[in-house]
Amino acid sequence: MASIQQAIKAGAVGVNLEDTDNAELLPVETMADRITGIRTRYIELDMPLFLNVRTDALLKSEGTCTESLRDVVSRGNAYAEAGTHGVFVPDLGDLGQKNIAMLVRKLPLPLNVIVNEKSPPISALEQLGVARVSFGPRVMCAMLSYMSKITAGLLSTGTSTRLGEHSLSYSEINSLLSTPGSA
């Protein structure tokens, strides 16, 4: 809670919370109490804040997919009642368009999904009603994978030929990082 208060005071306009603690799924009531406490605090501070809550019910469930989805919907509804503004559901690529559409219909809040290489295309997610798409650590993981291939090449052949395979030029990097309209 202290870190969220500091973020609010520093001017943060949104925060993400997770309903796990030490890799264990928290009871719904515990999470709802946390959400209510945060909501009360940002209202007291008269600060706008978008509170997005990630539920790991799909990741931590030992039940069937149907049971896990019911838990996601139940948690999403409870979190909405407690005052959150969005629900974040990690998709490991097996959620599928049918289940994503169901979550959009049954959750009273904007749905945010995290995607990977098996997830539906972003245009399909948009058509299903997904409000926000996150890549989470996926881009970093892909970069680290490529870095490990470069390193393996250096160690096995003593050459750095892989460095040029997918490298951007300095000009391309500057173009990517420049502000539109700047020189």
Protein backbone atom coordinates (compact mmCIF):
# COMPACT_ATOMS: atom_id res chain seq x y z
CA MET A 1 0.00 0.00 0.00
CA ALA A 2 2.86 2.41 0.81
CA SER A 3 4.34 2.05 -2.68
CA ILE A 4 0.97 2.79 -4.26
CA GLN A 5 0.56 5.88 -2.06
CA GLN A 6 4.00 7.07 -3.19
CA ALA A 7 3.07 6.43 -6.82
CA ILE A 8 -0.18 8.38 -6.44
CA LYS A 9 1.60 11.29 -4.76
CA ALA A 10 4.22 11.25 -7.54
CA GLY A 11 1.46 11.64 -10.12
CA ALA A 12 0.87 8.09 -11.35
CA VAL A 13 -2.40 7.85 -13.26
CA GLY A 14 -2.62 4.07 -13.19
CA VAL A 15 -1.37 1.07 -11.26
CA ASN A 16 -1.55 -2.69 -11.69
CA LEU A 17 -2.20 -5.04 -8.81
CA GLU A 18 -1.89 -8.82 -8.83
CA ASP A 19 -4.06 -11.18 -6.83
CA THR A 20 -1.14 -13.40 -5.90
CA ASP A 21 1.26 -13.14 -3.00
CA ASN A 22 4.36 -15.32 -2.85
CA ALA A 23 3.02 -17.23 -5.88
CA GLU A 24 -0.23 -18.08 -4.06
CA LEU A 25 -3.64 -16.90 -5.25
CA LEU A 26 -5.12 -14.62 -2.60
CA PRO A 27 -8.64 -15.12 -1.31
CA VAL A 28 -11.11 -12.90 -3.19
CA GLU A 29 -12.07 -11.09 0.04
CA THR A 30 -8.43 -10.20 0.79
CA MET A 31 -7.95 -8.76 -2.67
CA ALA A 32 -11.25 -6.87 -2.54
CA ASP A 33 -10.17 -5.32 0.77
CA ARG A 34 -6.86 -4.21 -0.78
CA ILE A 35 -8.69 -2.67 -3.73
CA THR A 36 -11.12 -0.86 -1.43
CA GLY A 37 -8.23 0.48 0.66
CA ILE A 38 -6.40 1.79 -2.38
CA ARG A 39 -9.57 3.29 -3.81
CA THR A 40 -10.30 5.04 -0.50
CA ARG A 41 -6.78 6.46 -0.41
CA TYR A 42 -6.74 7.90 -3.94
CA ILE A 43 -10.18 9.43 -3.35
CA GLU A 44 -8.88 11.00 -0.09
CA LEU A 45 -5.91 12.40 -2.01
CA ASP A 46 -8.30 13.69 -4.70
CA MET A 47 -6.13 12.05 -7.37
CA PRO A 48 -7.40 10.31 -10.49
CA LEU A 49 -6.13 6.75 -10.72
CA PHE A 50 -6.88 3.83 -13.06
CA LEU A 51 -6.69 0.67 -10.99
CA ASN A 52 -6.09 -2.42 -13.13
CA VAL A 53 -6.17 -5.75 -11.29
CA ARG A 54 -4.51 -8.84 -12.70
CA THR A 55 -6.07 -12.12 -11.75
CA ASP A 56 -3.92 -15.21 -11.96
CA ALA A 57 -6.89 -17.55 -11.50
CA LEU A 58 -6.16 -19.20 -14.87
CA LEU A 59 -2.47 -19.61 -14.09
CA LYS A 60 -2.88 -20.96 -10.56
CA SER A 61 -5.97 -23.13 -10.98
CA GLU A 62 -5.80 -26.85 -10.57
CA GLY A 63 -9.34 -27.26 -11.88
CA THR A 64 -10.73 -27.46 -15.38
CA CYS A 65 -10.60 -24.54 -17.81
CA THR A 66 -14.33 -23.98 -17.26
CA GLU A 67 -13.83 -23.81 -13.47
CA SER A 68 -10.88 -21.44 -13.89
CA LEU A 69 -12.88 -19.16 -16.17
CA ARG A 70 -15.74 -19.10 -13.65
CA ASP A 71 -13.19 -18.07 -11.02
CA VAL A 72 -11.86 -15.30 -13.29
CA VAL A 73 -15.40 -13.95 -13.80
CA SER A 74 -16.23 -14.23 -10.09
CA ARG A 75 -13.02 -12.46 -9.12
CA GLY A 76 -13.49 -9.80 -11.80
CA ASN A 77 -16.99 -9.03 -10.54
CA ALA A 78 -15.83 -8.88 -6.92
CA TYR A 79 -12.92 -6.63 -7.85
CA ALA A 80 -15.30 -4.36 -9.81
CA GLU A 81 -17.56 -4.06 -6.75
CA ALA A 82 -14.49 -3.18 -4.67
CA GLY A 83 -13.62 -0.32 -7.03
CA THR A 84 -11.15 -1.48 -9.66
CA HIS A 85 -11.40 -0.05 -13.17
CA GLY A 86 -10.02 -2.90 -15.28
CA VAL A 87 -9.31 -6.62 -15.17
CA PHE A 88 -6.09 -8.07 -16.52
CA VAL A 89 -6.04 -11.76 -17.53
CA PRO A 90 -2.79 -13.41 -18.66
CA ASP A 91 -3.28 -15.54 -21.79
CA LEU A 92 -0.66 -18.19 -22.31
CA GLY A 93 -2.04 -18.78 -25.78
CA ASP A 94 -4.66 -21.35 -24.89
CA LEU A 95 -7.47 -19.06 -23.78
CA GLY A 96 -8.90 -18.86 -27.30
CA GLN A 97 -11.23 -16.37 -28.94
CA LYS A 98 -14.40 -18.01 -27.61
CA ASN A 99 -13.29 -17.73 -23.98
CA ILE A 100 -11.91 -14.22 -24.46
CA ALA A 101 -15.27 -13.12 -25.93
CA MET A 102 -17.05 -14.72 -22.97
CA LEU A 103 -14.83 -12.81 -20.52
CA VAL A 104 -15.53 -9.54 -22.33
CA ARG A 105 -19.28 -10.24 -22.04
CA LYS A 106 -19.29 -11.38 -18.40
CA LEU A 107 -16.85 -8.93 -16.87
CA PRO A 108 -18.28 -5.48 -16.07
CA LEU A 109 -14.92 -3.80 -16.69
CA PRO A 110 -12.50 -3.32 -19.59
CA LEU A 111 -10.53 -6.53 -20.22
CA ASN A 112 -6.74 -6.41 -20.57
CA VAL A 113 -4.96 -9.56 -21.81
CA ILE A 114 -1.30 -10.40 -21.96
CA VAL A 115 -0.39 -12.17 -25.17
CA ASN A 116 2.27 -14.42 -26.61
CA GLU A 117 2.99 -16.04 -29.98
CA LYS A 118 -0.04 -18.36 -29.69
CA SER A 119 -2.60 -15.63 -28.91
CA PRO A 120 -5.11 -14.40 -31.51
CA PRO A 121 -4.00 -11.43 -33.64
CA ILE A 122 -4.45 -8.03 -32.01
CA SER A 123 -7.08 -7.09 -34.60
CA ALA A 124 -9.12 -10.15 -33.55
CA LEU A 125 -8.72 -9.24 -29.88
CA GLU A 126 -9.96 -5.74 -30.66
CA GLN A 127 -12.99 -7.14 -32.48
CA LEU A 128 -13.71 -9.36 -29.47
CA GLY A 129 -13.82 -6.27 -27.26
CA VAL A 130 -10.46 -6.52 -25.50
CA ALA A 131 -9.65 -3.02 -24.22
CA ARG A 132 -5.88 -3.34 -23.76
CA VAL A 133 -3.19 -5.75 -24.92
CA SER A 134 0.06 -6.19 -23.03
CA PHE A 135 3.18 -8.05 -24.02
CA GLY A 136 4.50 -8.24 -20.47
CA PRO A 137 8.00 -9.73 -20.44
CA ARG A 138 7.55 -11.41 -23.86
CA VAL A 139 9.59 -8.87 -25.86
CA MET A 140 12.42 -8.98 -23.33
CA CYS A 141 12.35 -12.81 -23.39
CA ALA A 142 12.61 -12.78 -27.20
CA MET A 143 15.54 -10.36 -27.03
CA LEU A 144 17.30 -12.50 -24.43
CA SER A 145 16.77 -15.57 -26.60
CA TYR A 146 18.44 -13.83 -29.53
CA MET A 147 21.26 -12.60 -27.28
CA SER A 148 21.88 -16.17 -26.15
CA LYS A 149 22.16 -17.26 -29.82
CA ILE A 150 24.70 -14.49 -30.46
CA THR A 151 26.66 -15.56 -27.38
CA ALA A 152 26.52 -19.24 -28.37
CA GLY A 153 27.89 -18.30 -31.79
CA LEU A 154 30.70 -16.30 -30.26
CA LEU A 155 31.61 -19.15 -27.93
CA SER A 156 31.39 -21.92 -30.53
CA THR A 157 32.94 -20.21 -33.56
CA GLY A 158 34.75 -17.24 -32.09
CA THR A 159 33.00 -14.98 -34.60
CA SER A 160 30.37 -12.30 -34.27
CA THR A 161 28.58 -12.86 -37.57
CA ARG A 162 25.17 -13.23 -35.90
CA LEU A 163 25.35 -9.62 -34.73
CA GLY A 164 24.40 -8.42 -38.20
CA GLU A 165 21.52 -10.83 -38.85
CA HIS A 166 18.74 -8.74 -37.32
CA SER A 167 20.54 -5.57 -36.29
CA LEU A 168 19.19 -2.09 -36.84
CA SER A 169 21.46 0.65 -38.13
CA TYR A 170 22.10 3.68 -35.92
CA SER A 171 19.93 5.68 -38.29
CA GLU A 172 17.04 3.22 -37.87
CA ILE A 173 17.44 3.32 -34.08
CA ASN A 174 17.46 7.12 -34.05
CA SER A 175 14.35 7.14 -36.23
CA LEU A 176 12.57 4.76 -33.85
CA LEU A 177 13.48 6.83 -30.81
CA SER A 178 12.93 10.29 -32.24
CA THR A 179 9.95 12.45 -31.49
CA PRO A 180 7.74 12.99 -34.57
CA GLY A 181 8.59 16.31 -36.16
CA SER A 182 12.03 16.57 -34.49
CA ALA A 183 15.24 16.75 -36.42
